[in-house]
Amino acid sequence: MKNTKELVLAKIKETLLQVAPGAKVILFGSRARNDARSDSDWDILILVDKNKLDPDDFDRISYPLYELGWKINEMISPKLYTINDWLKRSFTPFYKNVEKEGIVL
């Protein structure tokens, strides 16, 4: 059975509600622009409201998304930042692209 965009996003949101409740989650990249190929990955920006990330945060939040991707045969590429660290990157092309094309989930 082929995964639909809605199904994949619902599973991503469900996973993140369990591991990072309250995080701001943004889909960006080709999936957000609707120009993805069948083998395109799912670029997900996750913004958490804390002062600093520690290594456990990456394991606790990112790893379940990788596991989900393996289960549903999709490549999920999470990017994890604190809100403050993200705002400090407002001058970067990456930040500007996410602001322009990103879809808040």
PDB file of N, CA and C in Angstrom:
ATOM      1  N   MET A   1       0.839  -1.182   0.000  1.00  0.00           N
ATOM      2  CA  MET A   1       0.000   0.000   0.000  1.00  0.00           C
ATOM      3  C   MET A   1       0.885   1.247   0.000  1.00  0.00           C
ATOM      4  N   LYS A   2       0.588   2.178  -0.884  1.00  0.00           N
ATOM      5  CA  LYS A   2       1.377   3.389  -1.006  1.00  0.00           C
ATOM      6  C   LYS A   2       1.006   4.381   0.093  1.00  0.00           C
ATOM      7  N   ASN A   3       2.023   5.004   0.661  1.00  0.00           N
ATOM      8  CA  ASN A   3       1.792   6.017   1.684  1.00  0.00           C
ATOM      9  C   ASN A   3       1.340   7.314   1.027  1.00  0.00           C
ATOM     10  N   THR A   4       0.299   7.909   1.555  1.00  0.00           N
ATOM     11  CA  THR A   4      -0.115   9.218   1.074  1.00  0.00           C
ATOM     12  C   THR A   4       0.566  10.281   1.924  1.00  0.00           C
ATOM     13  N   LYS A   5       0.630  11.478   1.387  1.00  0.00           N
ATOM     14  CA  LYS A   5       1.227  12.585   2.129  1.00  0.00           C
ATOM     15  C   LYS A   5       0.516  12.773   3.465  1.00  0.00           C
ATOM     16  N   GLU A   6      -0.800  12.708   3.443  1.00  0.00           N
ATOM     17  CA  GLU A   6      -1.579  12.913   4.662  1.00  0.00           C
ATOM     18  C   GLU A   6      -1.276  11.836   5.697  1.00  0.00           C
ATOM     19  N   LEU A   7      -1.157  10.596   5.248  1.00  0.00           N
ATOM     20  CA  LEU A   7      -0.877   9.488   6.164  1.00  0.00           C
ATOM     21  C   LEU A   7       0.504   9.635   6.802  1.00  0.00           C
ATOM     22  N   VAL A   8       1.503   9.945   5.991  1.00  0.00           N
ATOM     23  CA  VAL A   8       2.863  10.095   6.517  1.00  0.00           C
ATOM     24  C   VAL A   8       2.914  11.250   7.511  1.00  0.00           C
ATOM     25  N   LEU A   9       2.312  12.382   7.160  1.00  0.00           N
ATOM     26  CA  LEU A   9       2.333  13.529   8.074  1.00  0.00           C
ATOM     27  C   LEU A   9       1.579  13.229   9.364  1.00  0.00           C
ATOM     28  N   ALA A  10       0.492  12.496   9.276  1.00  0.00           N
ATOM     29  CA  ALA A  10      -0.255  12.121  10.488  1.00  0.00           C
ATOM     30  C   ALA A  10       0.611  11.244  11.390  1.00  0.00           C
ATOM     31  N   LYS A  11       1.352  10.313  10.813  1.00  0.00           N
ATOM     32  CA  LYS A  11       2.216   9.436  11.605  1.00  0.00           C
ATOM     33  C   LYS A  11       3.379  10.222  12.219  1.00  0.00           C
ATOM     34  N   ILE A  12       3.918  11.184  11.478  1.00  0.00           N
ATOM     35  CA  ILE A  12       4.990  12.029  12.015  1.00  0.00           C
ATOM     36  C   ILE A  12       4.461  12.845  13.195  1.00  0.00           C
ATOM     37  N   LYS A  13       3.289  13.460  13.016  1.00  0.00           N
ATOM     38  CA  LYS A  13       2.705  14.257  14.103  1.00  0.00           C
ATOM     39  C   LYS A  13       2.415  13.394  15.324  1.00  0.00           C
ATOM     40  N   GLU A  14       1.867  12.214  15.100  1.00  0.00           N
ATOM     41  CA  GLU A  14       1.555  11.298  16.206  1.00  0.00           C
ATOM     42  C   GLU A  14       2.820  10.926  16.978  1.00  0.00           C
ATOM     43  N   THR A  15       3.885  10.629  16.250  1.00  0.00           N
ATOM     44  CA  THR A  15       5.156  10.274  16.884  1.00  0.00           C
ATOM     45  C   THR A  15       5.699  11.440  17.698  1.00  0.00           C
ATOM     46  N   LEU A  16       5.667  12.641  17.118  1.00  0.00           N
ATOM     47  CA  LEU A  16       6.219  13.797  17.821  1.00  0.00           C
ATOM     48  C   LEU A  16       5.374  14.215  19.019  1.00  0.00           C
ATOM     49  N   LEU A  17       4.073  13.992  18.969  1.00  0.00           N
ATOM     50  CA  LEU A  17       3.242  14.278  20.142  1.00  0.00           C
ATOM     51  C   LEU A  17       3.656  13.407  21.324  1.00  0.00           C
ATOM     52  N   GLN A  18       4.134  12.211  21.038  1.00  0.00           N
ATOM     53  CA  GLN A  18       4.571  11.307  22.106  1.00  0.00           C
ATOM     54  C   GLN A  18       5.940  11.684  22.655  1.00  0.00           C
ATOM     55  N   VAL A  19       6.859  12.094  21.786  1.00  0.00           N
ATOM     56  CA  VAL A  19       8.246  12.313  22.224  1.00  0.00           C
ATOM     57  C   VAL A  19       8.611  13.774  22.439  1.00  0.00           C
ATOM     58  N   ALA A  20       7.847  14.694  21.863  1.00  0.00           N
ATOM     59  CA  ALA A  20       8.154  16.123  22.002  1.00  0.00           C
ATOM     60  C   ALA A  20       6.866  16.943  22.025  1.00  0.00           C
ATOM     61  N   PRO A  21       6.002  16.677  23.018  1.00  0.00           N
ATOM     62  CA  PRO A  21       4.757  17.451  23.072  1.00  0.00           C
ATOM     63  C   PRO A  21       5.070  18.937  23.228  1.00  0.00           C
ATOM     64  N   GLY A  22       4.350  19.755  22.497  1.00  0.00           N
ATOM     65  CA  GLY A  22       4.571  21.194  22.568  1.00  0.00           C
ATOM     66  C   GLY A  22       5.601  21.720  21.589  1.00  0.00           C
ATOM     67  N   ALA A  23       6.312  20.842  20.905  1.00  0.00           N
ATOM     68  CA  ALA A  23       7.299  21.296  19.920  1.00  0.00           C
ATOM     69  C   ALA A  23       6.581  21.877  18.710  1.00  0.00           C
ATOM     70  N   LYS A  24       7.206  22.867  18.094  1.00  0.00           N
ATOM     71  CA  LYS A  24       6.704  23.396  16.824  1.00  0.00           C
ATOM     72  C   LYS A  24       7.325  22.541  15.726  1.00  0.00           C
ATOM     73  N   VAL A  25       6.496  22.061  14.815  1.00  0.00           N
ATOM     74  CA  VAL A  25       6.946  21.131  13.780  1.00  0.00           C
ATOM     75  C   VAL A  25       6.615  21.726  12.418  1.00  0.00           C
ATOM     76  N   ILE A  26       7.625  21.772  11.543  1.00  0.00           N
ATOM     77  CA  ILE A  26       7.464  22.388  10.225  1.00  0.00           C
ATOM     78  C   ILE A  26       7.979  21.434   9.148  1.00  0.00           C
ATOM     79  N   LEU A  27       7.134  21.161   8.176  1.00  0.00           N
ATOM     80  CA  LEU A  27       7.542  20.422   6.982  1.00  0.00           C
ATOM     81  C   LEU A  27       8.153  21.426   6.016  1.00  0.00           C
ATOM     82  N   PHE A  28       9.323  21.093   5.460  1.00  0.00           N
ATOM     83  CA  PHE A  28       9.942  21.989   4.477  1.00  0.00           C
ATOM     84  C   PHE A  28      10.547  21.148   3.362  1.00  0.00           C
ATOM     85  N   GLY A  29      11.104  21.806   2.378  1.00  0.00           N
ATOM     86  CA  GLY A  29      11.731  21.090   1.275  1.00  0.00           C
ATOM     87  C   GLY A  29      10.729  20.695   0.205  1.00  0.00           C
ATOM     88  N   SER A  30      11.105  19.698  -0.572  1.00  0.00           N
ATOM     89  CA  SER A  30      10.301  19.329  -1.742  1.00  0.00           C
ATOM     90  C   SER A  30       8.902  18.861  -1.375  1.00  0.00           C
ATOM     91  N   ARG A  31       8.751  18.207  -0.233  1.00  0.00           N
ATOM     92  CA  ARG A  31       7.410  17.750   0.175  1.00  0.00           C
ATOM     93  C   ARG A  31       6.504  18.937   0.492  1.00  0.00           C
ATOM     94  N   ALA A  32       7.055  19.994   1.053  1.00  0.00           N
ATOM     95  CA  ALA A  32       6.256  21.195   1.342  1.00  0.00           C
ATOM     96  C   ALA A  32       5.936  21.955   0.059  1.00  0.00           C
ATOM     97  N   ARG A  33       6.861  21.928  -0.895  1.00  0.00           N
ATOM     98  CA  ARG A  33       6.658  22.648  -2.161  1.00  0.00           C
ATOM     99  C   ARG A  33       5.805  21.861  -3.148  1.00  0.00           C
ATOM    100  N   ASN A  34       5.505  20.626  -2.821  1.00  0.00           N
ATOM    101  CA  ASN A  34       4.758  19.734  -3.722  1.00  0.00           C
ATOM    102  C   ASN A  34       5.491  19.460  -5.030  1.00  0.00           C
ATOM    103  N   ASP A  35       6.825  19.405  -4.960  1.00  0.00           N
ATOM    104  CA  ASP A  35       7.578  19.007  -6.148  1.00  0.00           C
ATOM    105  C   ASP A  35       8.478  17.800  -5.840  1.00  0.00           C
ATOM    106  N   ALA A  36       8.042  16.992  -4.888  1.00  0.00           N
ATOM    107  CA  ALA A  36       8.814  15.819  -4.475  1.00  0.00           C
ATOM    108  C   ALA A  36       8.668  14.682  -5.479  1.00  0.00           C
ATOM    109  N   ARG A  37       9.719  13.882  -5.558  1.00  0.00           N
ATOM    110  CA  ARG A  37       9.657  12.627  -6.307  1.00  0.00           C
ATOM    111  C   ARG A  37       9.245  11.526  -5.332  1.00  0.00           C
ATOM    112  N   SER A  38       8.974  10.363  -5.841  1.00  0.00           N
ATOM    113  CA  SER A  38       8.535   9.261  -4.972  1.00  0.00           C
ATOM    114  C   SER A  38       9.611   8.866  -3.962  1.00  0.00           C
ATOM    115  N   ASP A  39      10.886   9.109  -4.294  1.00  0.00           N
ATOM    116  CA  ASP A  39      11.970   8.743  -3.375  1.00  0.00           C
ATOM    117  C   ASP A  39      12.493   9.923  -2.555  1.00  0.00           C
ATOM    118  N   SER A  40      11.793  11.055  -2.597  1.00  0.00           N
ATOM    119  CA  SER A  40      12.220  12.226  -1.821  1.00  0.00           C
ATOM    120  C   SER A  40      12.033  11.980  -0.330  1.00  0.00           C
ATOM    121  N   ASP A  41      12.906  12.610   0.457  1.00  0.00           N
ATOM    122  CA  ASP A  41      12.772  12.472   1.903  1.00  0.00           C
ATOM    123  C   ASP A  41      11.754  13.477   2.451  1.00  0.00           C
ATOM    124  N   TRP A  42      11.447  13.324   3.715  1.00  0.00           N
ATOM    125  CA  TRP A  42      10.511  14.192   4.430  1.00  0.00           C
ATOM    126  C   TRP A  42      11.344  15.057   5.364  1.00  0.00           C
ATOM    127  N   ASP A  43      11.551  16.321   4.986  1.00  0.00           N
ATOM    128  CA  ASP A  43      12.341  17.247   5.795  1.00  0.00           C
ATOM    129  C   ASP A  43      11.455  17.849   6.874  1.00  0.00           C
ATOM    130  N   ILE A  44      11.825  17.603   8.132  1.00  0.00           N
ATOM    131  CA  ILE A  44      11.021  18.030   9.265  1.00  0.00           C
ATOM    132  C   ILE A  44      11.889  18.866  10.202  1.00  0.00           C
ATOM    133  N   LEU A  45      11.469  20.107  10.442  1.00  0.00           N
ATOM    134  CA  LEU A  45      12.130  20.970  11.417  1.00  0.00           C
ATOM    135  C   LEU A  45      11.353  20.874  12.722  1.00  0.00           C
ATOM    136  N   ILE A  46      12.059  20.606  13.807  1.00  0.00           N
ATOM    137  CA  ILE A  46      11.442  20.470  15.125  1.00  0.00           C
ATOM    138  C   ILE A  46      12.063  21.520  16.034  1.00  0.00           C
ATOM    139  N   LEU A  47      11.222  22.410  16.557  1.00  0.00           N
ATOM    140  CA  LEU A  47      11.682  23.481  17.440  1.00  0.00           C
ATOM    141  C   LEU A  47      11.162  23.221  18.844  1.00  0.00           C
ATOM    142  N   VAL A  48      12.088  23.088  19.787  1.00  0.00           N
ATOM    143  CA  VAL A  48      11.706  22.815  21.172  1.00  0.00           C
ATOM    144  C   VAL A  48      11.978  24.039  22.035  1.00  0.00           C
ATOM    145  N   ASP A  49      11.127  24.222  23.024  1.00  0.00           N
ATOM    146  CA  ASP A  49      11.208  25.384  23.906  1.00  0.00           C
ATOM    147  C   ASP A  49      12.015  25.029  25.149  1.00  0.00           C
ATOM    148  N   LYS A  50      13.325  25.072  24.994  1.00  0.00           N
ATOM    149  CA  LYS A  50      14.228  24.878  26.128  1.00  0.00           C
ATOM    150  C   LYS A  50      15.493  25.665  25.853  1.00  0.00           C
ATOM    151  N   ASN A  51      16.310  25.862  26.872  1.00  0.00           N
ATOM    152  CA  ASN A  51      17.500  26.695  26.721  1.00  0.00           C
ATOM    153  C   ASN A  51      18.573  26.059  25.853  1.00  0.00           C
ATOM    154  N   LYS A  52      18.768  24.758  26.006  1.00  0.00           N
ATOM    155  CA  LYS A  52      19.857  24.093  25.299  1.00  0.00           C
ATOM    156  C   LYS A  52      19.479  22.641  25.034  1.00  0.00           C
ATOM    157  N   LEU A  53      19.851  22.156  23.876  1.00  0.00           N
ATOM    158  CA  LEU A  53      19.658  20.739  23.561  1.00  0.00           C
ATOM    159  C   LEU A  53      20.815  19.930  24.136  1.00  0.00           C
ATOM    160  N   ASP A  54      20.514  18.737  24.575  1.00  0.00           N
ATOM    161  CA  ASP A  54      21.578  17.834  24.985  1.00  0.00           C
ATOM    162  C   ASP A  54      21.499  16.579  24.113  1.00  0.00           C
ATOM    163  N   PRO A  55      22.539  15.754  24.133  1.00  0.00           N
ATOM    164  CA  PRO A  55      22.547  14.572  23.258  1.00  0.00           C
ATOM    165  C   PRO A  55      21.324  13.675  23.429  1.00  0.00           C
ATOM    166  N   ASP A  56      20.803  13.590  24.640  1.00  0.00           N
ATOM    167  CA  ASP A  56      19.611  12.766  24.859  1.00  0.00           C
ATOM    168  C   ASP A  56      18.412  13.275  24.067  1.00  0.00           C
ATOM    169  N   ASP A  57      18.329  14.592  23.865  1.00  0.00           N
ATOM    170  CA  ASP A  57      17.215  15.149  23.092  1.00  0.00           C
ATOM    171  C   ASP A  57      17.230  14.613  21.667  1.00  0.00           C
ATOM    172  N   PHE A  58      18.410  14.535  21.073  1.00  0.00           N
ATOM    173  CA  PHE A  58      18.503  14.030  19.706  1.00  0.00           C
ATOM    174  C   PHE A  58      18.049  12.575  19.642  1.00  0.00           C
ATOM    175  N   ASP A  59      18.496  11.772  20.598  1.00  0.00           N
ATOM    176  CA  ASP A  59      18.081  10.364  20.628  1.00  0.00           C
ATOM    177  C   ASP A  59      16.587  10.235  20.891  1.00  0.00           C
ATOM    178  N   ARG A  60      16.089  10.985  21.856  1.00  0.00           N
ATOM    179  CA  ARG A  60      14.696  10.873  22.286  1.00  0.00           C
ATOM    180  C   ARG A  60      13.725  11.350  21.218  1.00  0.00           C
ATOM    181  N   ILE A  61      14.114  12.383  20.462  1.00  0.00           N
ATOM    182  CA  ILE A  61      13.195  12.987  19.493  1.00  0.00           C
ATOM    183  C   ILE A  61      13.447  12.489  18.069  1.00  0.00           C
ATOM    184  N   SER A  62      14.682  12.448  17.646  1.00  0.00           N
ATOM    185  CA  SER A  62      14.980  12.080  16.253  1.00  0.00           C
ATOM    186  C   SER A  62      14.870  10.582  15.989  1.00  0.00           C
ATOM    187  N   TYR A  63      15.366   9.764  16.907  1.00  0.00           N
ATOM    188  CA  TYR A  63      15.395   8.326  16.652  1.00  0.00           C
ATOM    189  C   TYR A  63      14.011   7.732  16.383  1.00  0.00           C
ATOM    190  N   PRO A  64      12.961   8.116  17.142  1.00  0.00           N
ATOM    191  CA  PRO A  64      11.632   7.573  16.821  1.00  0.00           C
ATOM    192  C   PRO A  64      11.157   7.930  15.409  1.00  0.00           C
ATOM    193  N   LEU A  65      11.609   9.063  14.889  1.00  0.00           N
ATOM    194  CA  LEU A  65      11.245   9.418  13.513  1.00  0.00           C
ATOM    195  C   LEU A  65      11.986   8.539  12.509  1.00  0.00           C
ATOM    196  N   TYR A  66      13.253   8.240  12.794  1.00  0.00           N
ATOM    197  CA  TYR A  66      13.981   7.307  11.930  1.00  0.00           C
ATOM    198  C   TYR A  66      13.313   5.932  11.956  1.00  0.00           C
ATOM    199  N   GLU A  67      12.929   5.473  13.146  1.00  0.00           N
ATOM    200  CA  GLU A  67      12.242   4.179  13.261  1.00  0.00           C
ATOM    201  C   GLU A  67      10.937   4.177  12.473  1.00  0.00           C
ATOM    202  N   LEU A  68      10.184   5.262  12.583  1.00  0.00           N
ATOM    203  CA  LEU A  68       8.941   5.382  11.824  1.00  0.00           C
ATOM    204  C   LEU A  68       9.229   5.264  10.332  1.00  0.00           C
ATOM    205  N   GLY A  69      10.236   5.973   9.866  1.00  0.00           N
ATOM    206  CA  GLY A  69      10.602   5.909   8.457  1.00  0.00           C
ATOM    207  C   GLY A  69      10.913   4.497   8.000  1.00  0.00           C
ATOM    208  N   TRP A  70      11.643   3.757   8.836  1.00  0.00           N
ATOM    209  CA  TRP A  70      11.958   2.365   8.484  1.00  0.00           C
ATOM    210  C   TRP A  70      10.686   1.538   8.388  1.00  0.00           C
ATOM    211  N   LYS A  71       9.755   1.759   9.316  1.00  0.00           N
ATOM    212  CA  LYS A  71       8.515   0.974   9.342  1.00  0.00           C
ATOM    213  C   LYS A  71       7.636   1.234   8.125  1.00  0.00           C
ATOM    214  N   ILE A  72       7.593   2.485   7.677  1.00  0.00           N
ATOM    215  CA  ILE A  72       6.691   2.833   6.576  1.00  0.00           C
ATOM    216  C   ILE A  72       7.427   3.001   5.243  1.00  0.00           C
ATOM    217  N   ASN A  73       8.722   2.673   5.238  1.00  0.00           N
ATOM    218  CA  ASN A  73       9.541   2.732   4.029  1.00  0.00           C
ATOM    219  C   ASN A  73       9.608   4.139   3.435  1.00  0.00           C
ATOM    220  N   GLU A  74       9.822   5.106   4.309  1.00  0.00           N
ATOM    221  CA  GLU A  74       9.994   6.501   3.902  1.00  0.00           C
ATOM    222  C   GLU A  74      11.229   7.049   4.606  1.00  0.00           C
ATOM    223  N   MET A  75      11.922   7.985   3.970  1.00  0.00           N
ATOM    224  CA  MET A  75      13.095   8.613   4.569  1.00  0.00           C
ATOM    225  C   MET A  75      12.647   9.889   5.270  1.00  0.00           C
ATOM    226  N   ILE A  76      12.763   9.919   6.586  1.00  0.00           N
ATOM    227  CA  ILE A  76      12.397  11.096   7.368  1.00  0.00           C
ATOM    228  C   ILE A  76      13.688  11.734   7.863  1.00  0.00           C
ATOM    229  N   SER A  77      13.842  13.032   7.584  1.00  0.00           N
ATOM    230  CA  SER A  77      15.068  13.754   7.924  1.00  0.00           C
ATOM    231  C   SER A  77      14.759  14.875   8.912  1.00  0.00           C
ATOM    232  N   PRO A  78      14.809  14.559  10.214  1.00  0.00           N
ATOM    233  CA  PRO A  78      14.511  15.589  11.204  1.00  0.00           C
ATOM    234  C   PRO A  78      15.696  16.522  11.435  1.00  0.00           C
ATOM    235  N   LYS A  79      15.388  17.783  11.661  1.00  0.00           N
ATOM    236  CA  LYS A  79      16.366  18.792  12.072  1.00  0.00           C
ATOM    237  C   LYS A  79      15.846  19.362  13.380  1.00  0.00           C
ATOM    238  N   LEU A  80      16.647  19.308  14.429  1.00  0.00           N
ATOM    239  CA  LEU A  80      16.206  19.678  15.767  1.00  0.00           C
ATOM    240  C   LEU A  80      16.964  20.903  16.260  1.00  0.00           C
ATOM    241  N   TYR A  81      16.216  21.918  16.707  1.00  0.00           N
ATOM    242  CA  TYR A  81      16.790  23.146  17.258  1.00  0.00           C
ATOM    243  C   TYR A  81      15.957  23.603  18.446  1.00  0.00           C
ATOM    244  N   THR A  82      16.587  24.383  19.328  1.00  0.00           N
ATOM    245  CA  THR A  82      15.783  25.136  20.284  1.00  0.00           C
ATOM    246  C   THR A  82      15.200  26.322  19.521  1.00  0.00           C
ATOM    247  N   ILE A  83      14.143  26.890  20.056  1.00  0.00           N
ATOM    248  CA  ILE A  83      13.540  28.058  19.401  1.00  0.00           C
ATOM    249  C   ILE A  83      14.555  29.187  19.312  1.00  0.00           C
ATOM    250  N   ASN A  84      15.289  29.440  20.393  1.00  0.00           N
ATOM    251  CA  ASN A  84      16.269  30.532  20.384  1.00  0.00           C
ATOM    252  C   ASN A  84      17.388  30.290  19.379  1.00  0.00           C
ATOM    253  N   ASP A  85      17.893  29.057  19.307  1.00  0.00           N
ATOM    254  CA  ASP A  85      18.943  28.756  18.323  1.00  0.00           C
ATOM    255  C   ASP A  85      18.427  28.931  16.898  1.00  0.00           C
ATOM    256  N   TRP A  86      17.183  28.564  16.670  1.00  0.00           N
ATOM    257  CA  TRP A  86      16.596  28.728  15.345  1.00  0.00           C
ATOM    258  C   TRP A  86      16.507  30.210  14.979  1.00  0.00           C
ATOM    259  N   LEU A  87      16.032  31.027  15.900  1.00  0.00           N
ATOM    260  CA  LEU A  87      15.889  32.459  15.623  1.00  0.00           C
ATOM    261  C   LEU A  87      17.240  33.122  15.378  1.00  0.00           C
ATOM    262  N   LYS A  88      18.291  32.617  15.987  1.00  0.00           N
ATOM    263  CA  LYS A  88      19.641  33.154  15.752  1.00  0.00           C
ATOM    264  C   LYS A  88      20.118  32.875  14.326  1.00  0.00           C
ATOM    265  N   ARG A  89      19.471  31.968  13.640  1.00  0.00           N
ATOM    266  CA  ARG A  89      19.850  31.621  12.265  1.00  0.00           C
ATOM    267  C   ARG A  89      19.021  32.375  11.221  1.00  0.00           C
ATOM    268  N   SER A  90      18.332  33.406  11.647  1.00  0.00           N
ATOM    269  CA  SER A  90      17.406  34.100  10.746  1.00  0.00           C
ATOM    270  C   SER A  90      18.088  34.725   9.529  1.00  0.00           C
ATOM    271  N   PHE A  91      19.387  34.877   9.556  1.00  0.00           N
ATOM    272  CA  PHE A  91      20.122  35.446   8.423  1.00  0.00           C
ATOM    273  C   PHE A  91      20.533  34.383   7.400  1.00  0.00           C
ATOM    274  N   THR A  92      20.326  33.115   7.703  1.00  0.00           N
ATOM    275  CA  THR A  92      20.820  32.055   6.821  1.00  0.00           C
ATOM    276  C   THR A  92      19.827  31.732   5.703  1.00  0.00           C
ATOM    277  N   PRO A  93      20.326  31.270   4.574  1.00  0.00           N
ATOM    278  CA  PRO A  93      19.428  30.845   3.496  1.00  0.00           C
ATOM    279  C   PRO A  93      18.488  29.718   3.934  1.00  0.00           C
ATOM    280  N   PHE A  94      18.978  28.809   4.771  1.00  0.00           N
ATOM    281  CA  PHE A  94      18.136  27.711   5.262  1.00  0.00           C
ATOM    282  C   PHE A  94      16.925  28.264   6.013  1.00  0.00           C
ATOM    283  N   TYR A  95      17.152  29.170   6.935  1.00  0.00           N
ATOM    284  CA  TYR A  95      16.062  29.783   7.702  1.00  0.00           C
ATOM    285  C   TYR A  95      15.070  30.459   6.750  1.00  0.00           C
ATOM    286  N   LYS A  96      15.592  31.235   5.814  1.00  0.00           N
ATOM    287  CA  LYS A  96      14.721  31.977   4.888  1.00  0.00           C
ATOM    288  C   LYS A  96      13.894  31.027   4.021  1.00  0.00           C
ATOM    289  N   ASN A  97      14.494  29.924   3.587  1.00  0.00           N
ATOM    290  CA  ASN A  97      13.736  28.946   2.797  1.00  0.00           C
ATOM    291  C   ASN A  97      12.629  28.307   3.617  1.00  0.00           C
ATOM    292  N   VAL A  98      12.926  27.945   4.858  1.00  0.00           N
ATOM    293  CA  VAL A  98      11.902  27.333   5.710  1.00  0.00           C
ATOM    294  C   VAL A  98      10.780  28.332   5.971  1.00  0.00           C
ATOM    295  N   GLU A  99      11.126  29.575   6.237  1.00  0.00           N
ATOM    296  CA  GLU A  99      10.101  30.596   6.475  1.00  0.00           C
ATOM    297  C   GLU A  99       9.223  30.796   5.236  1.00  0.00           C
ATOM    298  N   LYS A 100       9.826  30.701   4.065  1.00  0.00           N
ATOM    299  CA  LYS A 100       9.100  30.940   2.815  1.00  0.00           C
ATOM    300  C   LYS A 100       8.213  29.756   2.425  1.00  0.00           C
ATOM    301  N   GLU A 101       8.751  28.548   2.514  1.00  0.00           N
ATOM    302  CA  GLU A 101       8.046  27.385   1.965  1.00  0.00           C
ATOM    303  C   GLU A 101       7.496  26.434   3.021  1.00  0.00           C
ATOM    304  N   GLY A 102       7.897  26.619   4.275  1.00  0.00           N
ATOM    305  CA  GLY A 102       7.537  25.672   5.323  1.00  0.00           C
ATOM    306  C   GLY A 102       6.049  25.635   5.626  1.00  0.00           C
ATOM    307  N   ILE A 103       5.591  24.463   6.045  1.00  0.00           N
ATOM    308  CA  ILE A 103       4.196  24.253   6.438  1.00  0.00           C
ATOM    309  C   ILE A 103       4.200  23.782   7.889  1.00  0.00           C
ATOM    310  N   VAL A 104       3.594  24.572   8.763  1.00  0.00           N
ATOM    311  CA  VAL A 104       3.512  24.191  10.173  1.00  0.00           C
ATOM    312  C   VAL A 104       2.520  23.040  10.306  1.00  0.00           C
ATOM    313  N   LEU A 105       2.951  21.989  10.981  1.00  0.00           N
ATOM    314  CA  LEU A 105       2.096  20.811  11.168  1.00  0.00           C
ATOM    315  C   LEU A 105       1.341  20.894  12.487  1.00  0.00           C
TER     316      LEU A 105
END
